[in-house]
PDB file of N, CA and C in Angstrom:
ATOM      1  N   MET A   1     117.174  89.499  88.837  1.00  0.00           N
ATOM      2  CA  MET A   1     116.694  88.382  89.608  1.00  0.00           C
ATOM      3  C   MET A   1     115.236  88.055  89.293  1.00  0.00           C
ATOM      4  N   THR A   2     114.591  88.833  88.470  1.00  0.00           N
ATOM      5  CA  THR A   2     113.179  88.637  88.158  1.00  0.00           C
ATOM      6  C   THR A   2     112.946  87.240  87.602  1.00  0.00           C
ATOM      7  N   LYS A   3     111.991  86.512  88.205  1.00  0.00           N
ATOM      8  CA  LYS A   3     111.692  85.144  87.797  1.00  0.00           C
ATOM      9  C   LYS A   3     110.547  85.069  86.801  1.00  0.00           C
ATOM     10  N   GLY A   4     109.670  86.041  86.792  1.00  0.00           N
ATOM     11  CA  GLY A   4     108.531  85.994  85.900  1.00  0.00           C
ATOM     12  C   GLY A   4     107.742  87.281  85.966  1.00  0.00           C
ATOM     13  N   ALA A   5     106.738  87.344  85.131  1.00  0.00           N
ATOM     14  CA  ALA A   5     105.910  88.546  85.053  1.00  0.00           C
ATOM     15  C   ALA A   5     104.751  88.468  86.045  1.00  0.00           C
ATOM     16  N   VAL A   6     104.323  89.622  86.481  1.00  0.00           N
ATOM     17  CA  VAL A   6     103.167  89.739  87.363  1.00  0.00           C
ATOM     18  C   VAL A   6     101.902  89.483  86.548  1.00  0.00           C
ATOM     19  N   ASP A   7     100.991  88.726  87.101  1.00  0.00           N
ATOM     20  CA  ASP A   7      99.706  88.445  86.464  1.00  0.00           C
ATOM     21  C   ASP A   7      98.897  89.743  86.408  1.00  0.00           C
ATOM     22  N   PRO A   8      98.505  90.204  85.217  1.00  0.00           N
ATOM     23  CA  PRO A   8      97.749  91.451  85.102  1.00  0.00           C
ATOM     24  C   PRO A   8      96.424  91.427  85.884  1.00  0.00           C
ATOM     25  N   GLN A   9      95.789  90.279  85.958  1.00  0.00           N
ATOM     26  CA  GLN A   9      94.538  90.176  86.724  1.00  0.00           C
ATOM     27  C   GLN A   9      94.806  90.379  88.211  1.00  0.00           C
ATOM     28  N   ARG A  10      95.915  89.831  88.699  1.00  0.00           N
ATOM     29  CA  ARG A  10      96.292  90.009  90.112  1.00  0.00           C
ATOM     30  C   ARG A  10      96.570  91.485  90.385  1.00  0.00           C
ATOM     31  N   LEU A  11      97.245  92.145  89.461  1.00  0.00           N
ATOM     32  CA  LEU A  11      97.527  93.575  89.606  1.00  0.00           C
ATOM     33  C   LEU A  11      96.221  94.364  89.658  1.00  0.00           C
ATOM     34  N   GLU A  12      95.281  94.035  88.805  1.00  0.00           N
ATOM     35  CA  GLU A  12      93.985  94.725  88.785  1.00  0.00           C
ATOM     36  C   GLU A  12      93.224  94.515  90.098  1.00  0.00           C
ATOM     37  N   GLU A  13      93.236  93.293  90.620  1.00  0.00           N
ATOM     38  CA  GLU A  13      92.567  93.005  91.899  1.00  0.00           C
ATOM     39  C   GLU A  13      93.169  93.835  93.025  1.00  0.00           C
ATOM     40  N   GLU A  14      94.492  93.866  93.078  1.00  0.00           N
ATOM     41  CA  GLU A  14      95.166  94.642  94.126  1.00  0.00           C
ATOM     42  C   GLU A  14      94.881  96.129  93.952  1.00  0.00           C
ATOM     43  N   TRP A  15      94.841  96.609  92.713  1.00  0.00           N
ATOM     44  CA  TRP A  15      94.609  98.023  92.477  1.00  0.00           C
ATOM     45  C   TRP A  15      93.209  98.430  92.941  1.00  0.00           C
ATOM     46  N   ARG A  16      92.228  97.569  92.731  1.00  0.00           N
ATOM     47  CA  ARG A  16      90.869  97.868  93.228  1.00  0.00           C
ATOM     48  C   ARG A  16      90.886  98.015  94.752  1.00  0.00           C
ATOM     49  N   ALA A  17      91.583  97.118  95.429  1.00  0.00           N
ATOM     50  CA  ALA A  17      91.695  97.204  96.887  1.00  0.00           C
ATOM     51  C   ALA A  17      92.449  98.472  97.294  1.00  0.00           C
ATOM     52  N   ASP A  18      93.509  98.807  96.555  1.00  0.00           N
ATOM     53  CA  ASP A  18      94.277 100.024  96.844  1.00  0.00           C
ATOM     54  C   ASP A  18      93.398 101.264  96.748  1.00  0.00           C
ATOM     55  N   MET A  19      92.551 101.316  95.744  1.00  0.00           N
ATOM     56  CA  MET A  19      91.681 102.478  95.552  1.00  0.00           C
ATOM     57  C   MET A  19      90.734 102.647  96.737  1.00  0.00           C
ATOM     58  N   GLU A  20      90.284 101.548  97.322  1.00  0.00           N
ATOM     59  CA  GLU A  20      89.434 101.632  98.517  1.00  0.00           C
ATOM     60  C   GLU A  20      90.209 102.205  99.694  1.00  0.00           C
ATOM     61  N   VAL A  21      91.450 101.763  99.872  1.00  0.00           N
ATOM     62  CA  VAL A  21      92.279 102.275 100.966  1.00  0.00           C
ATOM     63  C   VAL A  21      92.574 103.759 100.759  1.00  0.00           C
ATOM     64  N   LEU A  22      92.908 104.135  99.533  1.00  0.00           N
ATOM     65  CA  LEU A  22      93.184 105.543  99.244  1.00  0.00           C
ATOM     66  C   LEU A  22      91.944 106.404  99.491  1.00  0.00           C
ATOM     67  N   ALA A  23      90.766 105.914  99.136  1.00  0.00           N
ATOM     68  CA  ALA A  23      89.523 106.655  99.385  1.00  0.00           C
ATOM     69  C   ALA A  23      89.290 106.808 100.882  1.00  0.00           C
ATOM     70  N   ASP A  24      89.556 105.750 101.646  1.00  0.00           N
ATOM     71  CA  ASP A  24      89.390 105.818 103.094  1.00  0.00           C
ATOM     72  C   ASP A  24      90.361 106.829 103.707  1.00  0.00           C
ATOM     73  N   LEU A  25      91.600 106.818 103.260  1.00  0.00           N
ATOM     74  CA  LEU A  25      92.570 107.799 103.752  1.00  0.00           C
ATOM     75  C   LEU A  25      92.094 109.220 103.449  1.00  0.00           C
ATOM     76  N   ALA A  26      91.610 109.445 102.233  1.00  0.00           N
ATOM     77  CA  ALA A  26      91.130 110.774 101.839  1.00  0.00           C
ATOM     78  C   ALA A  26      89.957 111.210 102.711  1.00  0.00           C
ATOM     79  N   GLU A  27      89.072 110.270 103.027  1.00  0.00           N
ATOM     80  CA  GLU A  27      87.925 110.587 103.898  1.00  0.00           C
ATOM     81  C   GLU A  27      88.370 111.020 105.285  1.00  0.00           C
ATOM     82  N   HIS A  28      89.563 110.584 105.679  1.00  0.00           N
ATOM     83  CA  HIS A  28      90.103 110.944 106.991  1.00  0.00           C
ATOM     84  C   HIS A  28      91.071 112.119 106.917  1.00  0.00           C
ATOM     85  N   GLY A  29      90.985 112.879 105.831  1.00  0.00           N
ATOM     86  CA  GLY A  29      91.765 114.108 105.715  1.00  0.00           C
ATOM     87  C   GLY A  29      93.197 113.930 105.270  1.00  0.00           C
ATOM     88  N   ASP A  30      93.526 112.788 104.697  1.00  0.00           N
ATOM     89  CA  ASP A  30      94.901 112.545 104.284  1.00  0.00           C
ATOM     90  C   ASP A  30      95.329 113.498 103.181  1.00  0.00           C
ATOM     91  N   ARG A  31      96.561 113.979 103.318  1.00  0.00           N
ATOM     92  CA  ARG A  31      97.209 114.748 102.258  1.00  0.00           C
ATOM     93  C   ARG A  31      98.237 113.811 101.632  1.00  0.00           C
ATOM     94  N   ALA A  32      97.862 113.233 100.517  1.00  0.00           N
ATOM     95  CA  ALA A  32      98.629 112.155  99.887  1.00  0.00           C
ATOM     96  C   ALA A  32     100.061 112.540  99.534  1.00  0.00           C
ATOM     97  N   GLU A  33     100.320 113.830  99.362  1.00  0.00           N
ATOM     98  CA  GLU A  33     101.662 114.258  98.964  1.00  0.00           C
ATOM     99  C   GLU A  33     102.663 114.224 100.112  1.00  0.00           C
ATOM    100  N   ILE A  34     102.201 114.029 101.339  1.00  0.00           N
ATOM    101  CA  ILE A  34     103.089 113.989 102.500  1.00  0.00           C
ATOM    102  C   ILE A  34     103.742 112.607 102.590  1.00  0.00           C
ATOM    103  N   GLU A  35     105.072 112.610 102.624  1.00  0.00           N
ATOM    104  CA  GLU A  35     105.802 111.356 102.770  1.00  0.00           C
ATOM    105  C   GLU A  35     105.609 110.825 104.184  1.00  0.00           C
ATOM    106  N   ARG A  36     105.442 109.501 104.281  1.00  0.00           N
ATOM    107  CA  ARG A  36     105.241 108.850 105.570  1.00  0.00           C
ATOM    108  C   ARG A  36     105.651 107.395 105.459  1.00  0.00           C
ATOM    109  N   PRO A  37     105.820 106.705 106.619  1.00  0.00           N
ATOM    110  CA  PRO A  37     106.116 105.272 106.557  1.00  0.00           C
ATOM    111  C   PRO A  37     104.909 104.513 106.005  1.00  0.00           C
ATOM    112  N   VAL A  38     105.171 103.679 105.013  1.00  0.00           N
ATOM    113  CA  VAL A  38     104.149 102.801 104.442  1.00  0.00           C
ATOM    114  C   VAL A  38     104.667 101.380 104.616  1.00  0.00           C
ATOM    115  N   ASP A  39     103.879 100.557 105.313  1.00  0.00           N
ATOM    116  CA  ASP A  39     104.321  99.187 105.529  1.00  0.00           C
ATOM    117  C   ASP A  39     103.625  98.252 104.556  1.00  0.00           C
ATOM    118  N   VAL A  40     104.317  97.177 104.232  1.00  0.00           N
ATOM    119  CA  VAL A  40     103.782  96.132 103.367  1.00  0.00           C
ATOM    120  C   VAL A  40     103.991  94.800 104.076  1.00  0.00           C
ATOM    121  N   SER A  41     103.137  93.842 103.771  1.00  0.00           N
ATOM    122  CA  SER A  41     103.297  92.538 104.410  1.00  0.00           C
ATOM    123  C   SER A  41     103.258  91.421 103.372  1.00  0.00           C
ATOM    124  N   PHE A  42     103.971  90.357 103.721  1.00  0.00           N
ATOM    125  CA  PHE A  42     104.075  89.179 102.876  1.00  0.00           C
ATOM    126  C   PHE A  42     103.932  87.941 103.750  1.00  0.00           C
ATOM    127  N   ARG A  43     103.296  86.920 103.195  1.00  0.00           N
ATOM    128  CA  ARG A  43     103.205  85.614 103.838  1.00  0.00           C
ATOM    129  C   ARG A  43     103.989  84.629 102.995  1.00  0.00           C
ATOM    130  N   GLY A  44     104.477  83.592 103.636  1.00  0.00           N
ATOM    131  CA  GLY A  44     105.199  82.569 102.888  1.00  0.00           C
ATOM    132  C   GLY A  44     105.921  81.633 103.817  1.00  0.00           C
ATOM    133  N   SER A  45     106.718  80.783 103.221  1.00  0.00           N
ATOM    134  CA  SER A  45     107.514  79.854 104.032  1.00  0.00           C
ATOM    135  C   SER A  45     108.549  80.657 104.806  1.00  0.00           C
ATOM    136  N   PRO A  46     108.962  80.145 105.956  1.00  0.00           N
ATOM    137  CA  PRO A  46     110.003  80.860 106.708  1.00  0.00           C
ATOM    138  C   PRO A  46     111.258  81.097 105.863  1.00  0.00           C
ATOM    139  N   GLU A  47     111.634  80.126 105.041  1.00  0.00           N
ATOM    140  CA  GLU A  47     112.830  80.268 104.214  1.00  0.00           C
ATOM    141  C   GLU A  47     112.676  81.401 103.195  1.00  0.00           C
ATOM    142  N   ALA A  48     111.523  81.459 102.543  1.00  0.00           N
ATOM    143  CA  ALA A  48     111.289  82.515 101.555  1.00  0.00           C
ATOM    144  C   ALA A  48     111.266  83.886 102.214  1.00  0.00           C
ATOM    145  N   LEU A  49     110.661  83.970 103.385  1.00  0.00           N
ATOM    146  CA  LEU A  49     110.591  85.260 104.080  1.00  0.00           C
ATOM    147  C   LEU A  49     111.959  85.705 104.570  1.00  0.00           C
ATOM    148  N   VAL A  50     112.799  84.774 104.976  1.00  0.00           N
ATOM    149  CA  VAL A  50     114.163  85.123 105.379  1.00  0.00           C
ATOM    150  C   VAL A  50     114.937  85.644 104.170  1.00  0.00           C
ATOM    151  N   ARG A  51     114.799  84.987 103.005  1.00  0.00           N
ATOM    152  CA  ARG A  51     115.463  85.472 101.785  1.00  0.00           C
ATOM    153  C   ARG A  51     115.008  86.889 101.457  1.00  0.00           C
ATOM    154  N   LEU A  52     113.700  87.133 101.592  1.00  0.00           N
ATOM    155  CA  LEU A  52     113.165  88.470 101.313  1.00  0.00           C
ATOM    156  C   LEU A  52     113.696  89.478 102.331  1.00  0.00           C
ATOM    157  N   THR A  53     113.747  89.098 103.589  1.00  0.00           N
ATOM    158  CA  THR A  53     114.291  89.988 104.620  1.00  0.00           C
ATOM    159  C   THR A  53     115.723  90.391 104.275  1.00  0.00           C
ATOM    160  N   GLU A  54     116.519  89.420 103.842  1.00  0.00           N
ATOM    161  CA  GLU A  54     117.914  89.695 103.499  1.00  0.00           C
ATOM    162  C   GLU A  54     118.033  90.604 102.277  1.00  0.00           C
ATOM    163  N   ALA A  55     117.063  90.546 101.383  1.00  0.00           N
ATOM    164  CA  ALA A  55     117.096  91.354 100.164  1.00  0.00           C
ATOM    165  C   ALA A  55     116.364  92.687 100.305  1.00  0.00           C
ATOM    166  N   ALA A  56     115.666  92.890 101.405  1.00  0.00           N
ATOM    167  CA  ALA A  56     114.764  94.037 101.561  1.00  0.00           C
ATOM    168  C   ALA A  56     115.441  95.376 101.295  1.00  0.00           C
ATOM    169  N   GLU A  57     116.599  95.595 101.862  1.00  0.00           N
ATOM    170  CA  GLU A  57     117.263  96.891 101.706  1.00  0.00           C
ATOM    171  C   GLU A  57     117.557  97.187 100.232  1.00  0.00           C
ATOM    172  N   GLY A  58     117.998  96.188  99.498  1.00  0.00           N
ATOM    173  CA  GLY A  58     118.270  96.363  98.079  1.00  0.00           C
ATOM    174  C   GLY A  58     117.019  96.617  97.258  1.00  0.00           C
ATOM    175  N   LEU A  59     115.861  96.274  97.817  1.00  0.00           N
ATOM    176  CA  LEU A  59     114.579  96.497  97.157  1.00  0.00           C
ATOM    177  C   LEU A  59     113.932  97.810  97.588  1.00  0.00           C
ATOM    178  N   GLY A  60     114.626  98.549  98.474  1.00  0.00           N
ATOM    179  CA  GLY A  60     114.117  99.846  98.912  1.00  0.00           C
ATOM    180  C   GLY A  60     113.277  99.807 100.169  1.00  0.00           C
ATOM    181  N   PHE A  61     113.353  98.723 100.924  1.00  0.00           N
ATOM    182  CA  PHE A  61     112.557  98.575 102.147  1.00  0.00           C
ATOM    183  C   PHE A  61     113.452  98.353 103.351  1.00  0.00           C
ATOM    184  N   ASP A  62     112.921  98.619 104.521  1.00  0.00           N
ATOM    185  CA  ASP A  62     113.556  98.278 105.778  1.00  0.00           C
ATOM    186  C   ASP A  62     112.724  97.199 106.454  1.00  0.00           C
ATOM    187  N   TYR A  63     113.398  96.344 107.203  1.00  0.00           N
ATOM    188  CA  TYR A  63     112.715  95.310 107.978  1.00  0.00           C
ATOM    189  C   TYR A  63     111.926  95.990 109.095  1.00  0.00           C
ATOM    190  N   LEU A  64     110.691  95.571 109.296  1.00  0.00           N
ATOM    191  CA  LEU A  64     109.863  96.110 110.365  1.00  0.00           C
ATOM    192  C   LEU A  64     109.596  95.060 111.430  1.00  0.00           C
ATOM    193  N   ASP A  65     109.091  93.876 111.010  1.00  0.00           N
ATOM    194  CA  ASP A  65     108.724  92.854 111.984  1.00  0.00           C
ATOM    195  C   ASP A  65     108.434  91.536 111.281  1.00  0.00           C
ATOM    196  N   MET A  66     108.486  90.467 112.050  1.00  0.00           N
ATOM    197  CA  MET A  66     108.050  89.149 111.594  1.00  0.00           C
ATOM    198  C   MET A  66     107.101  88.649 112.660  1.00  0.00           C
ATOM    199  N   GLU A  67     105.900  88.264 112.251  1.00  0.00           N
ATOM    200  CA  GLU A  67     104.878  87.796 113.188  1.00  0.00           C
ATOM    201  C   GLU A  67     104.279  86.497 112.668  1.00  0.00           C
ATOM    202  N   THR A  68     103.518  85.858 113.526  1.00  0.00           N
ATOM    203  CA  THR A  68     102.728  84.710 113.116  1.00  0.00           C
ATOM    204  C   THR A  68     101.282  85.165 113.039  1.00  0.00           C
ATOM    205  N   SER A  69     100.652  84.913 111.900  1.00  0.00           N
ATOM    206  CA  SER A  69      99.253  85.318 111.718  1.00  0.00           C
ATOM    207  C   SER A  69      98.347  84.451 112.590  1.00  0.00           C
ATOM    208  N   PRO A  70      97.098  84.875 112.782  1.00  0.00           N
ATOM    209  CA  PRO A  70      96.164  84.076 113.575  1.00  0.00           C
ATOM    210  C   PRO A  70      95.981  82.650 113.055  1.00  0.00           C
ATOM    211  N   ASP A  71      96.185  82.447 111.750  1.00  0.00           N
ATOM    212  CA  ASP A  71      96.058  81.092 111.208  1.00  0.00           C
ATOM    213  C   ASP A  71      97.386  80.336 111.202  1.00  0.00           C
ATOM    214  N   GLY A  72      98.400  80.901 111.865  1.00  0.00           N
ATOM    215  CA  GLY A  72      99.669  80.204 112.056  1.00  0.00           C
ATOM    216  C   GLY A  72     100.719  80.422 110.987  1.00  0.00           C
ATOM    217  N   ASP A  73     100.427  81.258 109.980  1.00  0.00           N
ATOM    218  CA  ASP A  73     101.396  81.524 108.908  1.00  0.00           C
ATOM    219  C   ASP A  73     102.374  82.607 109.327  1.00  0.00           C
ATOM    220  N   PRO A  74     103.654  82.445 108.967  1.00  0.00           N
ATOM    221  CA  PRO A  74     104.597  83.536 109.217  1.00  0.00           C
ATOM    222  C   PRO A  74     104.273  84.712 108.304  1.00  0.00           C
ATOM    223  N   CYS A  75     104.429  85.907 108.835  1.00  0.00           N
ATOM    224  CA  CYS A  75     104.105  87.117 108.093  1.00  0.00           C
ATOM    225  C   CYS A  75     105.228  88.133 108.303  1.00  0.00           C
ATOM    226  N   LEU A  76     105.778  88.619 107.202  1.00  0.00           N
ATOM    227  CA  LEU A  76     106.879  89.573 107.226  1.00  0.00           C
ATOM    228  C   LEU A  76     106.351  90.968 106.929  1.00  0.00           C
ATOM    229  N   PHE A  77     106.774  91.940 107.731  1.00  0.00           N
ATOM    230  CA  PHE A  77     106.407  93.337 107.518  1.00  0.00           C
ATOM    231  C   PHE A  77     107.655  94.128 107.165  1.00  0.00           C
ATOM    232  N   LEU A  78     107.577  94.834 106.046  1.00  0.00           N
ATOM    233  CA  LEU A  78     108.639  95.726 105.601  1.00  0.00           C
ATOM    234  C   LEU A  78     108.063  97.133 105.539  1.00  0.00           C
ATOM    235  N   VAL A  79     108.918  98.138 105.518  1.00  0.00           N
ATOM    236  CA  VAL A  79     108.447  99.522 105.514  1.00  0.00           C
ATOM    237  C   VAL A  79     109.376 100.382 104.665  1.00  0.00           C
ATOM    238  N   ARG A  80     108.816 101.429 104.076  1.00  0.00           N
ATOM    239  CA  ARG A  80     109.615 102.452 103.418  1.00  0.00           C
ATOM    240  C   ARG A  80     108.846 103.761 103.488  1.00  0.00           C
ATOM    241  N   ASP A  81     109.588 104.859 103.433  1.00  0.00           N
ATOM    242  CA  ASP A  81     108.955 106.170 103.436  1.00  0.00           C
ATOM    243  C   ASP A  81     108.595 106.543 102.007  1.00  0.00           C
ATOM    244  N   GLN A  82     107.348 106.978 101.837  1.00  0.00           N
ATOM    245  CA  GLN A  82     106.894 107.405 100.523  1.00  0.00           C
ATOM    246  C   GLN A  82     105.587 108.161 100.667  1.00  0.00           C
ATOM    247  N   ARG A  83     105.150 108.747  99.568  1.00  0.00           N
ATOM    248  CA  ARG A  83     103.845 109.407  99.538  1.00  0.00           C
ATOM    249  C   ARG A  83     102.761 108.352  99.352  1.00  0.00           C
ATOM    250  N   ALA A  84     101.512 108.755  99.586  1.00  0.00           N
ATOM    251  CA  ALA A  84     100.366 107.849  99.396  1.00  0.00           C
ATOM    252  C   ALA A  84      99.457 108.367  98.291  1.00  0.00           C
ATOM    253  N   ASP A  85     100.054 108.990  97.272  1.00  0.00           N
ATOM    254  CA  ASP A  85      99.271 109.423  96.120  1.00  0.00           C
ATOM    255  C   ASP A  85      99.084 108.236  95.176  1.00  0.00           C
ATOM    256  N   VAL A  86      98.208 108.400  94.223  1.00  0.00           N
ATOM    257  CA  VAL A  86      97.848 107.312  93.312  1.00  0.00           C
ATOM    258  C   VAL A  86      99.080 106.722  92.625  1.00  0.00           C
ATOM    259  N   GLU A  87      99.932 107.564  92.058  1.00  0.00           N
ATOM    260  CA  GLU A  87     101.089 107.067  91.323  1.00  0.00           C
ATOM    261  C   GLU A  87     102.051 106.302  92.223  1.00  0.00           C
ATOM    262  N   SER A  88     102.302 106.836  93.420  1.00  0.00           N
ATOM    263  CA  SER A  88     103.239 106.187  94.347  1.00  0.00           C
ATOM    264  C   SER A  88     102.713 104.838  94.819  1.00  0.00           C
ATOM    265  N   ILE A  89     101.435 104.768  95.113  1.00  0.00           N
ATOM    266  CA  ILE A  89     100.855 103.507  95.582  1.00  0.00           C
ATOM    267  C   ILE A  89     100.779 102.492  94.444  1.00  0.00           C
ATOM    268  N   LYS A  90     100.478 102.953  93.252  1.00  0.00           N
ATOM    269  CA  LYS A  90     100.453 102.029  92.105  1.00  0.00           C
ATOM    270  C   LYS A  90     101.842 101.431  91.896  1.00  0.00           C
ATOM    271  N   ALA A  91     102.876 102.238  92.005  1.00  0.00           N
ATOM    272  CA  ALA A  91     104.248 101.749  91.865  1.00  0.00           C
ATOM    273  C   ALA A  91     104.601 100.792  92.999  1.00  0.00           C
ATOM    274  N   LEU A  92     104.179 101.105  94.212  1.00  0.00           N
ATOM    275  CA  LEU A  92     104.425 100.229  95.355  1.00  0.00           C
ATOM    276  C   LEU A  92     103.791  98.863  95.126  1.00  0.00           C
ATOM    277  N   THR A  93     102.552  98.858  94.696  1.00  0.00           N
ATOM    278  CA  THR A  93     101.854  97.599  94.468  1.00  0.00           C
ATOM    279  C   THR A  93     102.529  96.784  93.377  1.00  0.00           C
ATOM    280  N   ALA A  94     102.928  97.428  92.310  1.00  0.00           N
ATOM    281  CA  ALA A  94     103.624  96.717  91.231  1.00  0.00           C
ATOM    282  C   ALA A  94     104.927  96.104  91.755  1.00  0.00           C
ATOM    283  N   THR A  95     105.665  96.855  92.560  1.00  0.00           N
ATOM    284  CA  THR A  95     106.905  96.348  93.146  1.00  0.00           C
ATOM    285  C   THR A  95     106.628  95.142  94.026  1.00  0.00           C
ATOM    286  N   CYS A  96     105.624  95.245  94.873  1.00  0.00           N
ATOM    287  CA  CYS A  96     105.315  94.158  95.805  1.00  0.00           C
ATOM    288  C   CYS A  96     104.820  92.907  95.091  1.00  0.00           C
ATOM    289  N   LEU A  97     104.080  93.080  94.017  1.00  0.00           N
ATOM    290  CA  LEU A  97     103.639  91.915  93.253  1.00  0.00           C
ATOM    291  C   LEU A  97     104.806  91.267  92.522  1.00  0.00           C
ATOM    292  N   GLN A  98     105.788  92.066  92.106  1.00  0.00           N
ATOM    293  CA  GLN A  98     106.983  91.474  91.507  1.00  0.00           C
ATOM    294  C   GLN A  98     107.778  90.724  92.564  1.00  0.00           C
ATOM    295  N   ILE A  99     107.842  91.264  93.781  1.00  0.00           N
ATOM    296  CA  ILE A  99     108.494  90.563  94.887  1.00  0.00           C
ATOM    297  C   ILE A  99     107.789  89.231  95.128  1.00  0.00           C
ATOM    298  N   GLU A 100     106.475  89.240  95.076  1.00  0.00           N
ATOM    299  CA  GLU A 100     105.685  88.018  95.255  1.00  0.00           C
ATOM    300  C   GLU A 100     106.149  86.945  94.269  1.00  0.00           C
ATOM    301  N   VAL A 101     106.270  87.322  93.008  1.00  0.00           N
ATOM    302  CA  VAL A 101     106.697  86.388  91.962  1.00  0.00           C
ATOM    303  C   VAL A 101     108.149  85.959  92.186  1.00  0.00           C
ATOM    304  N   ASP A 102     109.017  86.917  92.436  1.00  0.00           N
ATOM    305  CA  ASP A 102     110.451  86.645  92.525  1.00  0.00           C
ATOM    306  C   ASP A 102     110.847  85.812  93.739  1.00  0.00           C
ATOM    307  N   PHE A 103     110.129  85.983  94.848  1.00  0.00           N
ATOM    308  CA  PHE A 103     110.517  85.313  96.089  1.00  0.00           C
ATOM    309  C   PHE A 103     109.594  84.158  96.478  1.00  0.00           C
ATOM    310  N   GLY A 104     108.542  83.926  95.722  1.00  0.00           N
ATOM    311  CA  GLY A 104     107.630  82.832  96.048  1.00  0.00           C
ATOM    312  C   GLY A 104     106.885  83.064  97.346  1.00  0.00           C
ATOM    313  N   VAL A 105     106.489  84.323  97.575  1.00  0.00           N
ATOM    314  CA  VAL A 105     105.730  84.702  98.765  1.00  0.00           C
ATOM    315  C   VAL A 105     104.383  85.252  98.319  1.00  0.00           C
ATOM    316  N   GLU A 106     103.513  85.517  99.281  1.00  0.00           N
ATOM    317  CA  GLU A 106     102.211  86.097  98.969  1.00  0.00           C
ATOM    318  C   GLU A 106     102.147  87.516  99.523  1.00  0.00           C
ATOM    319  N   TYR A 107     101.970  88.479  98.639  1.00  0.00           N
ATOM    320  CA  TYR A 107     101.804  89.871  99.044  1.00  0.00           C
ATOM    321  C   TYR A 107     100.458  90.003  99.731  1.00  0.00           C
ATOM    322  N   ASP A 108     100.459  90.633 100.916  1.00  0.00           N
ATOM    323  CA  ASP A 108      99.249  90.701 101.728  1.00  0.00           C
ATOM    324  C   ASP A 108      98.761  92.131 101.929  1.00  0.00           C
ATOM    325  N   GLY A 109      99.312  93.094 101.188  1.00  0.00           N
ATOM    326  CA  GLY A 109      98.799  94.448 101.252  1.00  0.00           C
ATOM    327  C   GLY A 109      99.729  95.443 101.913  1.00  0.00           C
ATOM    328  N   TRP A 110      99.262  96.690 101.954  1.00  0.00           N
ATOM    329  CA  TRP A 110     100.028  97.808 102.513  1.00  0.00           C
ATOM    330  C   TRP A 110      99.138  98.598 103.457  1.00  0.00           C
ATOM    331  N   GLY A 111      99.779  99.420 104.248  1.00  0.00           N
ATOM    332  CA  GLY A 111      99.033 100.284 105.150  1.00  0.00           C
ATOM    333  C   GLY A 111      99.875 101.455 105.599  1.00  0.00           C
ATOM    334  N   CYS A 112      99.196 102.499 106.020  1.00  0.00           N
ATOM    335  CA  CYS A 112      99.866 103.675 106.563  1.00  0.00           C
ATOM    336  C   CYS A 112      98.831 104.511 107.309  1.00  0.00           C
ATOM    337  N   ALA A 113      99.338 105.415 108.110  1.00  0.00           N
ATOM    338  CA  ALA A 113      98.458 106.341 108.826  1.00  0.00           C
ATOM    339  C   ALA A 113      98.157 107.546 107.934  1.00  0.00           C
ATOM    340  N   ALA A 114      96.955 108.048 108.044  1.00  0.00           N
ATOM    341  CA  ALA A 114      96.584 109.275 107.333  1.00  0.00           C
ATOM    342  C   ALA A 114      97.439 110.420 107.856  1.00  0.00           C
ATOM    343  N   GLN A 115      97.866 111.299 106.954  1.00  0.00           N
ATOM    344  CA  GLN A 115      98.675 112.461 107.326  1.00  0.00           C
ATOM    345  C   GLN A 115      97.960 113.724 106.863  1.00  0.00           C
ATOM    346  N   ASP A 116      97.651 114.595 107.817  1.00  0.00           N
ATOM    347  CA  ASP A 116      96.971 115.836 107.437  1.00  0.00           C
ATOM    348  C   ASP A 116      97.882 117.053 107.502  1.00  0.00           C
ATOM    349  N   GLY A 117      99.161 116.820 107.843  1.00  0.00           N
ATOM    350  CA  GLY A 117     100.130 117.889 107.877  1.00  0.00           C
ATOM    351  C   GLY A 117     100.192 118.646 109.188  1.00  0.00           C
ATOM    352  N   THR A 118      99.391 118.251 110.171  1.00  0.00           N
ATOM    353  CA  THR A 118      99.388 118.965 111.447  1.00  0.00           C
ATOM    354  C   THR A 118     100.294 118.341 112.489  1.00  0.00           C
ATOM    355  N   SER A 119     100.784 117.133 112.243  1.00  0.00           N
ATOM    356  CA  SER A 119     101.685 116.489 113.208  1.00  0.00           C
ATOM    357  C   SER A 119     102.667 115.620 112.457  1.00  0.00           C
ATOM    358  N   GLU A 120     103.737 115.287 113.112  1.00  0.00           N
ATOM    359  CA  GLU A 120     104.774 114.435 112.513  1.00  0.00           C
ATOM    360  C   GLU A 120     104.397 112.993 112.616  1.00  0.00           C
TER     361      GLU A 120
END
C-alpha cells in the first residue's frame, strides 16, 4: 500500500526531536530496554484518520483515542508496546513517517512514561 518514500530531511528532523525525548527519559532514570506502551499521534482530515484507525491493527498499533486539538484539528492517538531504546524508536519513527505518506496525515510525535523497573 506504500504510496511514496519518506523525505530523508523529514526523517532527520524527527530523529533530532526523538534524541531530545530519549535524553529526557534517560535523565529521569528510564531503562530503555523495558517494554512499555508508546503512543503516537497523527493529525489530518477526519476521513484520513478514520482510514488510519481502520488500518491500525495491521500496522502494529491499537487505537487509543481521537481528540480535537486546541486549534480545532482532529488528532488520532495510537499505541503499541515496545522498548524506548535508540533502535526501537528509530524504527517507530520510520514507520510513522511512512504512515504519514501512505495515509495523507501528519505525524505529530510519540510519547511514553519513563520506566525504571520499580513499578509496572
